[in-house]
């Protein structure tokens, strides 16, 4: 599903115009992004939990040359699906 398809689904489900639904979807996604950027956990009951995890720097190899390189530390977003989502997917 693309963002446009999601906007259309929200518009159809709520009776909103597609433009209003698009604003609502963007507002929700922006709110989640802001919270994650601050390092906060985002928990949506029945859907799942988004959280930021830290990956430390590590050694790796360039597959082309075999040279050892240092992969820098980074933050990554982790998603753990909730019970409702797991059950919906496994029907």
PDB file of N, CA and C in Angstrom:
ATOM      1  N   UNK A   1       0.848  -1.173   0.000  1.00  0.00           N
ATOM      2  CA  UNK A   1       0.000   0.000   0.000  1.00  0.00           C
ATOM      3  C   UNK A   1       0.894   1.237   0.000  1.00  0.00           C
ATOM      4  N   UNK A   2       0.556   2.154  -0.867  1.00  0.00           N
ATOM      5  CA  UNK A   2       1.309   3.403  -0.954  1.00  0.00           C
ATOM      6  C   UNK A   2       0.628   4.464  -0.091  1.00  0.00           C
ATOM      7  N   UNK A   3       1.289   5.592   0.064  1.00  0.00           N
ATOM      8  CA  UNK A   3       0.729   6.693   0.840  1.00  0.00           C
ATOM      9  C   UNK A   3      -0.574   7.185   0.215  1.00  0.00           C
ATOM     10  N   UNK A   4      -0.640   7.280  -1.109  1.00  0.00           N
ATOM     11  CA  UNK A   4      -1.871   7.709  -1.780  1.00  0.00           C
ATOM     12  C   UNK A   4      -3.009   6.728  -1.516  1.00  0.00           C
ATOM     13  N   UNK A   5      -2.706   5.442  -1.540  1.00  0.00           N
ATOM     14  CA  UNK A   5      -3.723   4.432  -1.265  1.00  0.00           C
ATOM     15  C   UNK A   5      -4.201   4.527   0.190  1.00  0.00           C
ATOM     16  N   UNK A   6      -3.274   4.780   1.100  1.00  0.00           N
ATOM     17  CA  UNK A   6      -3.637   4.951   2.507  1.00  0.00           C
ATOM     18  C   UNK A   6      -4.535   6.171   2.684  1.00  0.00           C
ATOM     19  N   UNK A   7      -4.196   7.269   2.029  1.00  0.00           N
ATOM     20  CA  UNK A   7      -5.023   8.475   2.088  1.00  0.00           C
ATOM     21  C   UNK A   7      -6.437   8.185   1.583  1.00  0.00           C
ATOM     22  N   UNK A   8      -6.544   7.445   0.493  1.00  0.00           N
ATOM     23  CA  UNK A   8      -7.848   7.104  -0.068  1.00  0.00           C
ATOM     24  C   UNK A   8      -8.638   6.216   0.889  1.00  0.00           C
ATOM     25  N   UNK A   9      -7.983   5.237   1.496  1.00  0.00           N
ATOM     26  CA  UNK A   9      -8.654   4.355   2.460  1.00  0.00           C
ATOM     27  C   UNK A   9      -9.189   5.149   3.658  1.00  0.00           C
ATOM     28  N   UNK A  10      -8.376   6.077   4.169  1.00  0.00           N
ATOM     29  CA  UNK A  10      -8.803   6.897   5.299  1.00  0.00           C
ATOM     30  C   UNK A  10      -9.975   7.788   4.877  1.00  0.00           C
ATOM     31  N   UNK A  11      -9.899   8.366   3.694  1.00  0.00           N
ATOM     32  CA  UNK A  11     -10.989   9.217   3.204  1.00  0.00           C
ATOM     33  C   UNK A  11     -12.277   8.404   3.073  1.00  0.00           C
ATOM     34  N   UNK A  12     -12.189   7.207   2.517  1.00  0.00           N
ATOM     35  CA  UNK A  12     -13.377   6.359   2.347  1.00  0.00           C
ATOM     36  C   UNK A  12     -13.949   5.918   3.701  1.00  0.00           C
ATOM     37  N   UNK A  13     -13.078   5.571   4.642  1.00  0.00           N
ATOM     38  CA  UNK A  13     -13.531   5.066   5.940  1.00  0.00           C
ATOM     39  C   UNK A  13     -14.150   6.155   6.804  1.00  0.00           C
ATOM     40  N   UNK A  14     -13.697   7.396   6.649  1.00  0.00           N
ATOM     41  CA  UNK A  14     -14.163   8.470   7.527  1.00  0.00           C
ATOM     42  C   UNK A  14     -15.152   9.423   6.872  1.00  0.00           C
ATOM     43  N   UNK A  15     -15.282   9.353   5.553  1.00  0.00           N
ATOM     44  CA  UNK A  15     -16.160  10.287   4.858  1.00  0.00           C
ATOM     45  C   UNK A  15     -15.515  11.643   4.637  1.00  0.00           C
ATOM     46  N   UNK A  16     -14.234  11.758   4.924  1.00  0.00           N
ATOM     47  CA  UNK A  16     -13.502  13.012   4.713  1.00  0.00           C
ATOM     48  C   UNK A  16     -13.171  13.152   3.234  1.00  0.00           C
ATOM     49  N   UNK A  17     -12.811  14.365   2.846  1.00  0.00           N
ATOM     50  CA  UNK A  17     -12.296  14.537   1.490  1.00  0.00           C
ATOM     51  C   UNK A  17     -10.907  13.930   1.446  1.00  0.00           C
ATOM     52  N   UNK A  18     -10.439  13.627   0.253  1.00  0.00           N
ATOM     53  CA  UNK A  18      -9.114  13.033   0.133  1.00  0.00           C
ATOM     54  C   UNK A  18      -8.036  14.007   0.635  1.00  0.00           C
ATOM     55  N   UNK A  19      -8.232  15.303   0.419  1.00  0.00           N
ATOM     56  CA  UNK A  19      -7.261  16.310   0.885  1.00  0.00           C
ATOM     57  C   UNK A  19      -7.217  16.350   2.415  1.00  0.00           C
ATOM     58  N   UNK A  20      -8.378  16.299   3.046  1.00  0.00           N
ATOM     59  CA  UNK A  20      -8.427  16.318   4.510  1.00  0.00           C
ATOM     60  C   UNK A  20      -7.821  15.040   5.085  1.00  0.00           C
ATOM     61  N   UNK A  21      -8.131  13.919   4.458  1.00  0.00           N
ATOM     62  CA  UNK A  21      -7.581  12.639   4.910  1.00  0.00           C
ATOM     63  C   UNK A  21      -6.058  12.643   4.766  1.00  0.00           C
ATOM     64  N   UNK A  22      -5.561  13.220   3.683  1.00  0.00           N
ATOM     65  CA  UNK A  22      -4.116  13.304   3.461  1.00  0.00           C
ATOM     66  C   UNK A  22      -3.458  14.129   4.566  1.00  0.00           C
ATOM     67  N   UNK A  23      -4.079  15.248   4.952  1.00  0.00           N
ATOM     68  CA  UNK A  23      -3.542  16.075   6.038  1.00  0.00           C
ATOM     69  C   UNK A  23      -3.520  15.292   7.340  1.00  0.00           C
ATOM     70  N   UNK A  24      -4.579  14.538   7.604  1.00  0.00           N
ATOM     71  CA  UNK A  24      -4.656  13.758   8.845  1.00  0.00           C
ATOM     72  C   UNK A  24      -3.580  12.673   8.877  1.00  0.00           C
ATOM     73  N   UNK A  25      -3.414  11.965   7.778  1.00  0.00           N
ATOM     74  CA  UNK A  25      -2.398  10.905   7.708  1.00  0.00           C
ATOM     75  C   UNK A  25      -1.009  11.504   7.886  1.00  0.00           C
ATOM     76  N   UNK A  26      -0.745  12.604   7.205  1.00  0.00           N
ATOM     77  CA  UNK A  26       0.567  13.259   7.330  1.00  0.00           C
ATOM     78  C   UNK A  26       0.806  13.745   8.751  1.00  0.00           C
ATOM     79  N   UNK A  27      -0.226  14.248   9.420  1.00  0.00           N
ATOM     80  CA  UNK A  27      -0.085  14.720  10.798  1.00  0.00           C
ATOM     81  C   UNK A  27       0.265  13.564  11.728  1.00  0.00           C
ATOM     82  N   UNK A  28      -0.385  12.421  11.542  1.00  0.00           N
ATOM     83  CA  UNK A  28      -0.095  11.250  12.374  1.00  0.00           C
ATOM     84  C   UNK A  28       1.343  10.784  12.147  1.00  0.00           C
ATOM     85  N   UNK A  29       1.737  10.672  10.889  1.00  0.00           N
ATOM     86  CA  UNK A  29       3.095  10.213  10.585  1.00  0.00           C
ATOM     87  C   UNK A  29       4.146  11.194  11.095  1.00  0.00           C
ATOM     88  N   UNK A  30       3.883  12.486  10.970  1.00  0.00           N
ATOM     89  CA  UNK A  30       4.823  13.500  11.459  1.00  0.00           C
ATOM     90  C   UNK A  30       4.943  13.433  12.981  1.00  0.00           C
ATOM     91  N   UNK A  31       3.838  13.188  13.665  1.00  0.00           N
ATOM     92  CA  UNK A  31       3.867  13.080  15.125  1.00  0.00           C
ATOM     93  C   UNK A  31       4.687  11.881  15.571  1.00  0.00           C
ATOM     94  N   UNK A  32       4.518  10.771  14.886  1.00  0.00           N
ATOM     95  CA  UNK A  32       5.310   9.573  15.207  1.00  0.00           C
ATOM     96  C   UNK A  32       6.783   9.854  14.965  1.00  0.00           C
ATOM     97  N   UNK A  33       7.099  10.484  13.841  1.00  0.00           N
ATOM     98  CA  UNK A  33       8.488  10.792  13.504  1.00  0.00           C
ATOM     99  C   UNK A  33       9.118  11.728  14.528  1.00  0.00           C
ATOM    100  N   UNK A  34       8.388  12.756  14.968  1.00  0.00           N
ATOM    101  CA  UNK A  34       8.915  13.698  15.967  1.00  0.00           C
ATOM    102  C   UNK A  34       9.213  12.986  17.284  1.00  0.00           C
ATOM    103  N   UNK A  35       8.297  12.136  17.708  1.00  0.00           N
ATOM    104  CA  UNK A  35       8.495  11.418  18.968  1.00  0.00           C
ATOM    105  C   UNK A  35       9.709  10.507  18.880  1.00  0.00           C
ATOM    106  N   UNK A  36       9.868   9.802  17.773  1.00  0.00           N
ATOM    107  CA  UNK A  36      11.023   8.912  17.610  1.00  0.00           C
ATOM    108  C   UNK A  36      12.326   9.709  17.543  1.00  0.00           C
ATOM    109  N   UNK A  37      12.290  10.875  16.905  1.00  0.00           N
ATOM    110  CA  UNK A  37      13.485  11.719  16.816  1.00  0.00           C
ATOM    111  C   UNK A  37      13.930  12.183  18.201  1.00  0.00           C
ATOM    112  N   UNK A  38      12.966  12.323  19.130  1.00  0.00           N
ATOM    113  CA  UNK A  38      13.288  12.709  20.507  1.00  0.00           C
ATOM    114  C   UNK A  38      13.707  11.502  21.347  1.00  0.00           C
ATOM    115  N   UNK A  39      13.662  10.315  20.759  1.00  0.00           N
ATOM    116  CA  UNK A  39      14.039   9.114  21.496  1.00  0.00           C
ATOM    117  C   UNK A  39      12.896   8.500  22.277  1.00  0.00           C
ATOM    118  N   UNK A  40      11.680   8.973  22.049  1.00  0.00           N
ATOM    119  CA  UNK A  40      10.521   8.454  22.764  1.00  0.00           C
ATOM    120  C   UNK A  40       9.982   7.191  22.087  1.00  0.00           C
ATOM    121  N   UNK A  41       9.325   6.360  22.891  1.00  0.00           N
ATOM    122  CA  UNK A  41       8.672   5.166  22.372  1.00  0.00           C
ATOM    123  C   UNK A  41       7.248   5.546  21.976  1.00  0.00           C
ATOM    124  N   UNK A  42       6.776   5.035  20.824  1.00  0.00           N
ATOM    125  CA  UNK A  42       5.414   5.302  20.365  1.00  0.00           C
ATOM    126  C   UNK A  42       4.646   3.985  20.420  1.00  0.00           C
ATOM    127  N   UNK A  43       3.649   3.935  21.295  1.00  0.00           N
ATOM    128  CA  UNK A  43       2.853   2.726  21.491  1.00  0.00           C
ATOM    129  C   UNK A  43       1.429   2.977  21.023  1.00  0.00           C
ATOM    130  N   UNK A  44       0.968   2.188  20.058  1.00  0.00           N
ATOM    131  CA  UNK A  44      -0.386   2.306  19.538  1.00  0.00           C
ATOM    132  C   UNK A  44      -1.106   1.007  19.898  1.00  0.00           C
ATOM    133  N   UNK A  45      -2.045   1.091  20.825  1.00  0.00           N
ATOM    134  CA  UNK A  45      -2.727  -0.096  21.345  1.00  0.00           C
ATOM    135  C   UNK A  45      -3.351  -0.912  20.215  1.00  0.00           C
ATOM    136  N   UNK A  46      -3.100  -2.215  20.225  1.00  0.00           N
ATOM    137  CA  UNK A  46      -3.649  -3.119  19.226  1.00  0.00           C
ATOM    138  C   UNK A  46      -2.884  -3.130  17.925  1.00  0.00           C
ATOM    139  N   UNK A  47      -1.980  -2.175  17.734  1.00  0.00           N
ATOM    140  CA  UNK A  47      -1.208  -2.110  16.493  1.00  0.00           C
ATOM    141  C   UNK A  47       0.244  -2.487  16.724  1.00  0.00           C
ATOM    142  N   UNK A  48       0.922  -1.775  17.631  1.00  0.00           N
ATOM    143  CA  UNK A  48       2.312  -2.100  17.906  1.00  0.00           C
ATOM    144  C   UNK A  48       3.068  -0.964  18.546  1.00  0.00           C
ATOM    145  N   UNK A  49       4.366  -1.178  18.678  1.00  0.00           N
ATOM    146  CA  UNK A  49       5.242  -0.223  19.342  1.00  0.00           C
ATOM    147  C   UNK A  49       6.416   0.103  18.426  1.00  0.00           C
ATOM    148  N   UNK A  50       6.658   1.392  18.236  1.00  0.00           N
ATOM    149  CA  UNK A  50       7.845   1.875  17.528  1.00  0.00           C
ATOM    150  C   UNK A  50       8.813   2.377  18.588  1.00  0.00           C
ATOM    151  N   UNK A  51      10.083   2.010  18.473  1.00  0.00           N
ATOM    152  CA  UNK A  51      11.080   2.556  19.390  1.00  0.00           C
ATOM    153  C   UNK A  51      12.425   2.665  18.696  1.00  0.00           C
ATOM    154  N   UNK A  52      13.242   3.566  19.218  1.00  0.00           N
ATOM    155  CA  UNK A  52      14.574   3.799  18.656  1.00  0.00           C
ATOM    156  C   UNK A  52      15.575   2.952  19.426  1.00  0.00           C
ATOM    157  N   UNK A  53      16.415   2.234  18.705  1.00  0.00           N
ATOM    158  CA  UNK A  53      17.489   1.467  19.326  1.00  0.00           C
ATOM    159  C   UNK A  53      18.816   1.984  18.791  1.00  0.00           C
ATOM    160  N   UNK A  54      19.845   1.877  19.591  1.00  0.00           N
ATOM    161  CA  UNK A  54      21.168   2.339  19.199  1.00  0.00           C
ATOM    162  C   UNK A  54      22.014   1.148  18.760  1.00  0.00           C
ATOM    163  N   UNK A  55      22.615   1.274  17.580  1.00  0.00           N
ATOM    164  CA  UNK A  55      23.551   0.257  17.101  1.00  0.00           C
ATOM    165  C   UNK A  55      24.957   0.833  17.242  1.00  0.00           C
ATOM    166  N   UNK A  56      25.807   0.196  18.032  1.00  0.00           N
ATOM    167  CA  UNK A  56      27.158   0.726  18.210  1.00  0.00           C
ATOM    168  C   UNK A  56      27.998   0.551  16.943  1.00  0.00           C
ATOM    169  N   UNK A  57      29.106   1.295  16.884  1.00  0.00           N
ATOM    170  CA  UNK A  57      30.037   1.151  15.761  1.00  0.00           C
ATOM    171  C   UNK A  57      30.601  -0.265  15.766  1.00  0.00           C
ATOM    172  N   UNK A  58      30.892  -0.775  14.581  1.00  0.00           N
ATOM    173  CA  UNK A  58      31.419  -2.137  14.493  1.00  0.00           C
ATOM    174  C   UNK A  58      32.323  -2.267  13.281  1.00  0.00           C
ATOM    175  N   UNK A  59      33.089  -3.331  13.274  1.00  0.00           N
ATOM    176  CA  UNK A  59      33.970  -3.613  12.142  1.00  0.00           C
ATOM    177  C   UNK A  59      33.207  -4.406  11.104  1.00  0.00           C
ATOM    178  N   UNK A  60      33.513  -4.156   9.853  1.00  0.00           N
ATOM    179  CA  UNK A  60      32.906  -4.884   8.745  1.00  0.00           C
ATOM    180  C   UNK A  60      33.916  -5.030   7.629  1.00  0.00           C
ATOM    181  N   UNK A  61      33.498  -5.671   6.564  1.00  0.00           N
ATOM    182  CA  UNK A  61      34.389  -5.858   5.414  1.00  0.00           C
ATOM    183  C   UNK A  61      33.736  -5.329   4.156  1.00  0.00           C
ATOM    184  N   UNK A  62      34.533  -4.663   3.347  1.00  0.00           N
ATOM    185  CA  UNK A  62      34.086  -4.251   2.033  1.00  0.00           C
ATOM    186  C   UNK A  62      34.042  -5.517   1.181  1.00  0.00           C
ATOM    187  N   UNK A  63      32.882  -5.939   0.690  1.00  0.00           N
ATOM    188  CA  UNK A  63      32.807  -7.196  -0.044  1.00  0.00           C
ATOM    189  C   UNK A  63      33.569  -7.172  -1.370  1.00  0.00           C
ATOM    190  N   UNK A  64      33.771  -6.017  -1.926  1.00  0.00           N
ATOM    191  CA  UNK A  64      34.464  -5.919  -3.201  1.00  0.00           C
ATOM    192  C   UNK A  64      35.975  -6.088  -3.035  1.00  0.00           C
ATOM    193  N   UNK A  65      36.542  -5.434  -1.984  1.00  0.00           N
ATOM    194  CA  UNK A  65      37.994  -5.444  -1.819  1.00  0.00           C
ATOM    195  C   UNK A  65      38.462  -6.327  -0.670  1.00  0.00           C
ATOM    196  N   UNK A  66      37.556  -6.686   0.230  1.00  0.00           N
ATOM    197  CA  UNK A  66      37.951  -7.463   1.406  1.00  0.00           C
ATOM    198  C   UNK A  66      38.560  -6.608   2.505  1.00  0.00           C
ATOM    199  N   UNK A  67      38.666  -5.309   2.268  1.00  0.00           N
ATOM    200  CA  UNK A  67      39.263  -4.392   3.233  1.00  0.00           C
ATOM    201  C   UNK A  67      38.377  -4.260   4.465  1.00  0.00           C
ATOM    202  N   UNK A  68      38.992  -4.208   5.656  1.00  0.00           N
ATOM    203  CA  UNK A  68      38.251  -4.005   6.897  1.00  0.00           C
ATOM    204  C   UNK A  68      37.876  -2.537   7.011  1.00  0.00           C
ATOM    205  N   UNK A  69      36.612  -2.292   7.321  1.00  0.00           N
ATOM    206  CA  UNK A  69      36.138  -0.922   7.469  1.00  0.00           C
ATOM    207  C   UNK A  69      35.408  -0.799   8.802  1.00  0.00           C
ATOM    208  N   UNK A  70      35.250   0.430   9.267  1.00  0.00           N
ATOM    209  CA  UNK A  70      34.476   0.683  10.477  1.00  0.00           C
ATOM    210  C   UNK A  70      33.109   1.189  10.060  1.00  0.00           C
ATOM    211  N   UNK A  71      32.088   0.494  10.513  1.00  0.00           N
ATOM    212  CA  UNK A  71      30.714   0.911  10.247  1.00  0.00           C
ATOM    213  C   UNK A  71      30.314   1.812  11.420  1.00  0.00           C
ATOM    214  N   UNK A  72      29.934   3.058  11.152  1.00  0.00           N
ATOM    215  CA  UNK A  72      29.660   3.997  12.244  1.00  0.00           C
ATOM    216  C   UNK A  72      28.424   3.624  13.062  1.00  0.00           C
ATOM    217  N   UNK A  73      28.379   4.119  14.273  1.00  0.00           N
ATOM    218  CA  UNK A  73      27.218   3.925  15.144  1.00  0.00           C
ATOM    219  C   UNK A  73      26.014   4.618  14.513  1.00  0.00           C
ATOM    220  N   UNK A  74      24.838   4.089  14.775  1.00  0.00           N
ATOM    221  CA  UNK A  74      23.626   4.668  14.207  1.00  0.00           C
ATOM    222  C   UNK A  74      22.428   4.331  15.093  1.00  0.00           C
ATOM    223  N   UNK A  75      21.404   5.137  14.972  1.00  0.00           N
ATOM    224  CA  UNK A  75      20.137   4.833  15.613  1.00  0.00           C
ATOM    225  C   UNK A  75      19.236   4.182  14.572  1.00  0.00           C
ATOM    226  N   UNK A  76      18.462   3.197  14.988  1.00  0.00           N
ATOM    227  CA  UNK A  76      17.548   2.504  14.088  1.00  0.00           C
ATOM    228  C   UNK A  76      16.175   2.437  14.729  1.00  0.00           C
ATOM    229  N   UNK A  77      15.144   2.412  13.908  1.00  0.00           N
ATOM    230  CA  UNK A  77      13.777   2.293  14.406  1.00  0.00           C
ATOM    231  C   UNK A  77      13.400   0.816  14.412  1.00  0.00           C
ATOM    232  N   UNK A  78      12.855   0.385  15.539  1.00  0.00           N
ATOM    233  CA  UNK A  78      12.425  -1.003  15.698  1.00  0.00           C
ATOM    234  C   UNK A  78      10.910  -0.986  15.856  1.00  0.00           C
ATOM    235  N   UNK A  79      10.235  -1.940  15.232  1.00  0.00           N
ATOM    236  CA  UNK A  79       8.783  -2.049  15.362  1.00  0.00           C
ATOM    237  C   UNK A  79       8.444  -3.430  15.886  1.00  0.00           C
ATOM    238  N   UNK A  80       7.639  -3.454  16.931  1.00  0.00           N
ATOM    239  CA  UNK A  80       7.164  -4.715  17.493  1.00  0.00           C
ATOM    240  C   UNK A  80       5.651  -4.729  17.333  1.00  0.00           C
ATOM    241  N   UNK A  81       5.114  -5.635  16.513  1.00  0.00           N
ATOM    242  CA  UNK A  81       3.673  -5.643  16.294  1.00  0.00           C
ATOM    243  C   UNK A  81       2.908  -6.032  17.552  1.00  0.00           C
ATOM    244  N   UNK A  82       1.728  -5.442  17.712  1.00  0.00           N
ATOM    245  CA  UNK A  82       0.856  -5.760  18.834  1.00  0.00           C
ATOM    246  C   UNK A  82       0.028  -7.001  18.556  1.00  0.00           C
ATOM    247  N   UNK A  83      -0.659  -7.462  19.561  1.00  0.00           N
ATOM    248  CA  UNK A  83      -1.442  -8.686  19.465  1.00  0.00           C
ATOM    249  C   UNK A  83      -2.509  -8.591  18.370  1.00  0.00           C
ATOM    250  N   UNK A  84      -3.212  -7.460  18.305  1.00  0.00           N
ATOM    251  CA  UNK A  84      -4.263  -7.292  17.298  1.00  0.00           C
ATOM    252  C   UNK A  84      -3.730  -7.385  15.885  1.00  0.00           C
ATOM    253  N   UNK A  85      -2.574  -6.772  15.621  1.00  0.00           N
ATOM    254  CA  UNK A  85      -1.966  -6.825  14.290  1.00  0.00           C
ATOM    255  C   UNK A  85      -1.491  -8.229  13.968  1.00  0.00           C
ATOM    256  N   UNK A  86      -0.863  -8.880  14.931  1.00  0.00           N
ATOM    257  CA  UNK A  86      -0.393 -10.261  14.702  1.00  0.00           C
ATOM    258  C   UNK A  86      -1.561 -11.183  14.371  1.00  0.00           C
ATOM    259  N   UNK A  87      -2.658 -11.041  15.109  1.00  0.00           N
ATOM    260  CA  UNK A  87      -3.823 -11.894  14.864  1.00  0.00           C
ATOM    261  C   UNK A  87      -4.463 -11.599  13.503  1.00  0.00           C
ATOM    262  N   UNK A  88      -4.512 -10.328  13.111  1.00  0.00           N
ATOM    263  CA  UNK A  88      -5.096  -9.962  11.821  1.00  0.00           C
ATOM    264  C   UNK A  88      -4.270 -10.512  10.669  1.00  0.00           C
ATOM    265  N   UNK A  89      -2.955 -10.507  10.817  1.00  0.00           N
ATOM    266  CA  UNK A  89      -2.079 -10.989   9.753  1.00  0.00           C
ATOM    267  C   UNK A  89      -2.093 -12.516   9.673  1.00  0.00           C
ATOM    268  N   UNK A  90      -2.302 -13.181  10.791  1.00  0.00           N
ATOM    269  CA  UNK A  90      -2.239 -14.651  10.827  1.00  0.00           C
ATOM    270  C   UNK A  90      -3.602 -15.327  10.744  1.00  0.00           C
ATOM    271  N   UNK A  91      -4.604 -14.663  10.200  1.00  0.00           N
ATOM    272  CA  UNK A  91      -5.930 -15.282  10.057  1.00  0.00           C
ATOM    273  C   UNK A  91      -5.910 -16.344   8.995  1.00  0.00           C
TER     274      UNK A  91
END
